[in-house]
PDB file of all heavy atoms in Angstrom:
ATOM      1  N   THR A   1      29.973-130.572  93.861  1.00  0.00           N
ATOM      2  CA  THR A   1      29.328-129.553  94.658  1.00  0.00           C
ATOM      3  C   THR A   1      29.369-128.181  94.042  1.00  0.00           C
ATOM      4  O   THR A   1      28.669-127.281  94.464  1.00  0.00           O
ATOM      5  CB  THR A   1      30.033-129.465  96.016  1.00  0.00           C
ATOM      6  OG1 THR A   1      31.443-129.256  95.870  1.00  0.00           O
ATOM      7  CG2 THR A   1      29.842-130.774  96.825  1.00  0.00           C
ATOM      8  N   THR A   2      30.242-127.968  93.044  1.00  0.00           N
ATOM      9  CA  THR A   2      30.361-126.616  92.416  1.00  0.00           C
ATOM     10  C   THR A   2      29.647-126.589  91.069  1.00  0.00           C
ATOM     11  O   THR A   2      29.622-125.536  90.460  1.00  0.00           O
ATOM     12  CB  THR A   2      31.810-126.282  92.186  1.00  0.00           C
ATOM     13  OG1 THR A   2      32.395-127.239  91.267  1.00  0.00           O
ATOM     14  CG2 THR A   2      32.586-126.299  93.515  1.00  0.00           C
ATOM     15  N   GLU A   3      29.053-127.690  90.626  1.00  0.00           N
ATOM     16  CA  GLU A   3      28.390-127.750  89.351  1.00  0.00           C
ATOM     17  C   GLU A   3      26.901-127.407  89.474  1.00  0.00           C
ATOM     18  O   GLU A   3      26.246-127.943  90.409  1.00  0.00           O
ATOM     19  CB  GLU A   3      28.567-129.081  88.695  1.00  0.00           C
ATOM     20  CG  GLU A   3      30.024-129.428  88.250  1.00  0.00           C
ATOM     21  CD  GLU A   3      30.468-128.496  87.155  1.00  0.00           C
ATOM     22  OE1 GLU A   3      29.736-128.308  86.179  1.00  0.00           O
ATOM     23  OE2 GLU A   3      31.575-127.937  87.327  1.00  0.00           O
ATOM     24  N   PRO A   4      26.319-126.629  88.570  1.00  0.00           N
ATOM     25  CA  PRO A   4      24.868-126.412  88.657  1.00  0.00           C
ATOM     26  C   PRO A   4      24.182-127.716  88.173  1.00  0.00           C
ATOM     27  O   PRO A   4      24.734-128.583  87.546  1.00  0.00           O
ATOM     28  CB  PRO A   4      24.677-125.273  87.565  1.00  0.00           C
ATOM     29  CG  PRO A   4      25.862-125.491  86.645  1.00  0.00           C
ATOM     30  CD  PRO A   4      26.973-125.933  87.474  1.00  0.00           C
ATOM     31  N   PRO A   5      22.864-127.801  88.556  1.00  0.00           N
ATOM     32  CA  PRO A   5      22.119-128.993  88.142  1.00  0.00           C
ATOM     33  C   PRO A   5      22.113-129.158  86.629  1.00  0.00           C
ATOM     34  O   PRO A   5      21.978-128.205  85.842  1.00  0.00           O
ATOM     35  CB  PRO A   5      20.685-128.699  88.633  1.00  0.00           C
ATOM     36  CG  PRO A   5      20.909-127.678  89.718  1.00  0.00           C
ATOM     37  CD  PRO A   5      22.075-126.859  89.316  1.00  0.00           C
ATOM     38  N   VAL A   6      22.272-130.437  86.113  1.00  0.00           N
ATOM     39  CA  VAL A   6      22.299-130.667  84.712  1.00  0.00           C
ATOM     40  C   VAL A   6      20.860-131.076  84.287  1.00  0.00           C
ATOM     41  O   VAL A   6      20.259-131.940  84.834  1.00  0.00           O
ATOM     42  CB  VAL A   6      23.230-131.839  84.396  1.00  0.00           C
ATOM     43  CG1 VAL A   6      23.178-132.166  82.898  1.00  0.00           C
ATOM     44  CG2 VAL A   6      24.687-131.493  84.770  1.00  0.00           C
ATOM     45  N   THR A   7      20.364-130.338  83.293  1.00  0.00           N
ATOM     46  CA  THR A   7      19.096-130.711  82.687  1.00  0.00           C
ATOM     47  C   THR A   7      19.292-131.059  81.245  1.00  0.00           C
ATOM     48  O   THR A   7      20.401-130.851  80.680  1.00  0.00           O
ATOM     49  CB  THR A   7      18.135-129.491  82.730  1.00  0.00           C
ATOM     50  OG1 THR A   7      18.651-128.437  81.930  1.00  0.00           O
ATOM     51  CG2 THR A   7      18.008-129.004  84.203  1.00  0.00           C
ATOM     52  N   ALA A   8      18.264-131.634  80.617  1.00  0.00           N
ATOM     53  CA  ALA A   8      18.436-132.021  79.177  1.00  0.00           C
ATOM     54  C   ALA A   8      18.749-130.753  78.347  1.00  0.00           C
ATOM     55  O   ALA A   8      19.525-130.796  77.445  1.00  0.00           O
ATOM     56  CB  ALA A   8      17.115-132.686  78.696  1.00  0.00           C
ATOM     57  N   ALA A   9      18.107-129.627  78.742  1.00  0.00           N
ATOM     58  CA  ALA A   9      18.320-128.394  77.922  1.00  0.00           C
ATOM     59  C   ALA A   9      19.747-127.881  78.093  1.00  0.00           C
ATOM     60  O   ALA A   9      20.429-127.519  77.099  1.00  0.00           O
ATOM     61  CB  ALA A   9      17.332-127.330  78.384  1.00  0.00           C
ATOM     62  N   THR A  10      20.292-127.853  79.327  1.00  0.00           N
ATOM     63  CA  THR A  10      21.610-127.345  79.520  1.00  0.00           C
ATOM     64  C   THR A  10      22.664-128.247  78.928  1.00  0.00           C
ATOM     65  O   THR A  10      23.694-127.851  78.395  1.00  0.00           O
ATOM     66  CB  THR A  10      21.938-127.076  80.979  1.00  0.00           C
ATOM     67  OG1 THR A  10      21.749-128.315  81.719  1.00  0.00           O
ATOM     68  CG2 THR A  10      21.009-126.012  81.591  1.00  0.00           C
ATOM     69  N   ALA A  11      22.438-129.578  79.048  1.00  0.00           N
ATOM     70  CA  ALA A  11      23.373-130.534  78.462  1.00  0.00           C
ATOM     71  C   ALA A  11      23.386-130.415  76.949  1.00  0.00           C
ATOM     72  O   ALA A  11      24.438-130.498  76.309  1.00  0.00           O
ATOM     73  CB  ALA A  11      23.033-131.944  78.881  1.00  0.00           C
ATOM     74  N   THR A  12      22.207-130.205  76.373  1.00  0.00           N
ATOM     75  CA  THR A  12      22.176-130.036  74.923  1.00  0.00           C
ATOM     76  C   THR A  12      22.907-128.752  74.500  1.00  0.00           C
ATOM     77  O   THR A  12      23.635-128.788  73.513  1.00  0.00           O
ATOM     78  CB  THR A  12      20.659-129.939  74.467  1.00  0.00           C
ATOM     79  OG1 THR A  12      20.040-131.212  74.692  1.00  0.00           O
ATOM     80  CG2 THR A  12      20.595-129.653  73.003  1.00  0.00           C
ATOM     81  N   ALA A  13      22.739-127.711  75.267  1.00  0.00           N
ATOM     82  CA  ALA A  13      23.438-126.498  74.944  1.00  0.00           C
ATOM     83  C   ALA A  13      24.960-126.656  75.057  1.00  0.00           C
ATOM     84  O   ALA A  13      25.703-126.198  74.247  1.00  0.00           O
ATOM     85  CB  ALA A  13      22.994-125.356  75.913  1.00  0.00           C
ATOM     86  N   THR A  14      25.361-127.406  76.076  1.00  0.00           N
ATOM     87  CA  THR A  14      26.822-127.650  76.277  1.00  0.00           C
ATOM     88  C   THR A  14      27.369-128.452  75.102  1.00  0.00           C
ATOM     89  O   THR A  14      28.384-128.096  74.535  1.00  0.00           O
ATOM     90  CB  THR A  14      27.024-128.477  77.591  1.00  0.00           C
ATOM     91  OG1 THR A  14      26.616-127.664  78.670  1.00  0.00           O
ATOM     92  CG2 THR A  14      28.556-128.755  77.773  1.00  0.00           C
ATOM     93  N   ALA A  15      26.683-129.549  74.771  1.00  0.00           N
ATOM     94  CA  ALA A  15      27.151-130.378  73.655  1.00  0.00           C
ATOM     95  C   ALA A  15      27.193-129.578  72.365  1.00  0.00           C
ATOM     96  O   ALA A  15      28.144-129.697  71.585  1.00  0.00           O
ATOM     97  CB  ALA A  15      26.223-131.596  73.463  1.00  0.00           C
ATOM     98  N   THR A  16      26.200-128.764  72.095  1.00  0.00           N
ATOM     99  CA  THR A  16      26.151-127.982  70.897  1.00  0.00           C
ATOM    100  C   THR A  16      27.276-126.972  70.827  1.00  0.00           C
ATOM    101  O   THR A  16      27.943-126.793  69.817  1.00  0.00           O
ATOM    102  CB  THR A  16      24.800-127.317  70.731  1.00  0.00           C
ATOM    103  OG1 THR A  16      23.795-128.316  70.739  1.00  0.00           O
ATOM    104  CG2 THR A  16      24.696-126.555  69.390  1.00  0.00           C
ATOM    105  N   ALA A  17      27.488-126.249  71.970  1.00  0.00           N
ATOM    106  CA  ALA A  17      28.538-125.281  71.994  1.00  0.00           C
ATOM    107  C   ALA A  17      29.914-125.926  71.813  1.00  0.00           C
ATOM    108  O   ALA A  17      30.744-125.409  71.072  1.00  0.00           O
ATOM    109  CB  ALA A  17      28.500-124.515  73.343  1.00  0.00           C
ATOM    110  N   ALA A  18      30.108-127.085  72.437  1.00  0.00           N
ATOM    111  CA  ALA A  18      31.421-127.754  72.296  1.00  0.00           C
ATOM    112  C   ALA A  18      31.680-128.284  70.949  1.00  0.00           C
ATOM    113  O   ALA A  18      32.820-128.385  70.557  1.00  0.00           O
ATOM    114  CB  ALA A  18      31.455-128.922  73.288  1.00  0.00           C
ATOM    115  N   ASN A  19      30.647-128.520  70.162  1.00  0.00           N
ATOM    116  CA  ASN A  19      30.787-129.093  68.839  1.00  0.00           C
ATOM    117  C   ASN A  19      30.266-128.203  67.700  1.00  0.00           C
ATOM    118  O   ASN A  19      29.965-128.679  66.619  1.00  0.00           O
ATOM    119  CB  ASN A  19      30.070-130.485  68.791  1.00  0.00           C
ATOM    120  CG  ASN A  19      30.737-131.456  69.722  1.00  0.00           C
ATOM    121  OD1 ASN A  19      31.845-131.919  69.485  1.00  0.00           O
ATOM    122  ND2 ASN A  19      30.015-131.830  70.777  1.00  0.00           N
ATOM    123  N   SER A  20      30.185-126.891  67.984  1.00  0.00           N
ATOM    124  CA  SER A  20      29.668-126.020  66.987  1.00  0.00           C
ATOM    125  C   SER A  20      30.446-125.944  65.732  1.00  0.00           C
ATOM    126  O   SER A  20      29.943-125.768  64.642  1.00  0.00           O
ATOM    127  CB  SER A  20      29.511-124.580  67.595  1.00  0.00           C
ATOM    128  OG  SER A  20      30.819-124.100  68.000  1.00  0.00           O
ATOM    129  N   ASP A  21      31.763-126.212  65.856  1.00  0.00           N
ATOM    130  CA  ASP A  21      32.604-126.238  64.681  1.00  0.00           C
ATOM    131  C   ASP A  21      32.150-127.342  63.734  1.00  0.00           C
ATOM    132  O   ASP A  21      32.291-127.229  62.493  1.00  0.00           O
ATOM    133  CB  ASP A  21      34.034-126.470  65.002  1.00  0.00           C
ATOM    134  CG  ASP A  21      34.716-125.207  65.624  1.00  0.00           C
ATOM    135  OD1 ASP A  21      34.106-124.143  65.506  1.00  0.00           O
ATOM    136  OD2 ASP A  21      35.783-125.331  66.231  1.00  0.00           O
ATOM    137  N   TYR A  22      31.652-128.439  64.282  1.00  0.00           N
ATOM    138  CA  TYR A  22      31.225-129.600  63.430  1.00  0.00           C
ATOM    139  C   TYR A  22      29.926-129.271  62.689  1.00  0.00           C
ATOM    140  O   TYR A  22      29.609-129.926  61.728  1.00  0.00           O
ATOM    141  CB  TYR A  22      31.091-130.861  64.301  1.00  0.00           C
ATOM    142  CG  TYR A  22      32.401-131.353  64.777  1.00  0.00           C
ATOM    143  CD1 TYR A  22      32.823-131.140  66.103  1.00  0.00           C
ATOM    144  CD2 TYR A  22      33.324-132.018  63.931  1.00  0.00           C
ATOM    145  CE1 TYR A  22      34.045-131.580  66.606  1.00  0.00           C
ATOM    146  CE2 TYR A  22      34.530-132.457  64.381  1.00  0.00           C
ATOM    147  CZ  TYR A  22      34.913-132.253  65.710  1.00  0.00           C
ATOM    148  OH  TYR A  22      36.139-132.685  66.119  1.00  0.00           O
ATOM    149  N   ASP A  23      29.139-128.341  63.223  1.00  0.00           N
ATOM    150  CA  ASP A  23      27.886-127.977  62.538  1.00  0.00           C
ATOM    151  C   ASP A  23      28.129-127.293  61.186  1.00  0.00           C
ATOM    152  O   ASP A  23      27.394-127.501  60.266  1.00  0.00           O
ATOM    153  CB  ASP A  23      27.048-127.012  63.450  1.00  0.00           C
ATOM    154  CG  ASP A  23      26.351-127.740  64.582  1.00  0.00           C
ATOM    155  OD1 ASP A  23      26.523-128.968  64.651  1.00  0.00           O
ATOM    156  OD2 ASP A  23      25.732-127.073  65.389  1.00  0.00           O
ATOM    157  N   SER A  24      29.232-126.567  61.091  1.00  0.00           N
ATOM    158  CA  SER A  24      29.530-125.852  59.863  1.00  0.00           C
ATOM    159  C   SER A  24      30.450-126.673  58.917  1.00  0.00           C
ATOM    160  O   SER A  24      30.692-126.320  57.793  1.00  0.00           O
ATOM    161  CB  SER A  24      30.233-124.537  60.179  1.00  0.00           C
ATOM    162  OG  SER A  24      31.445-124.745  60.836  1.00  0.00           O
TER     163      SER A  24
END
């Protein structure tokens, strides 16, 4: 009930932010 709606775009942003260290 406290989470905003999950969309493909927001989930992609979340995954990318969480794993940004792996990009470099």
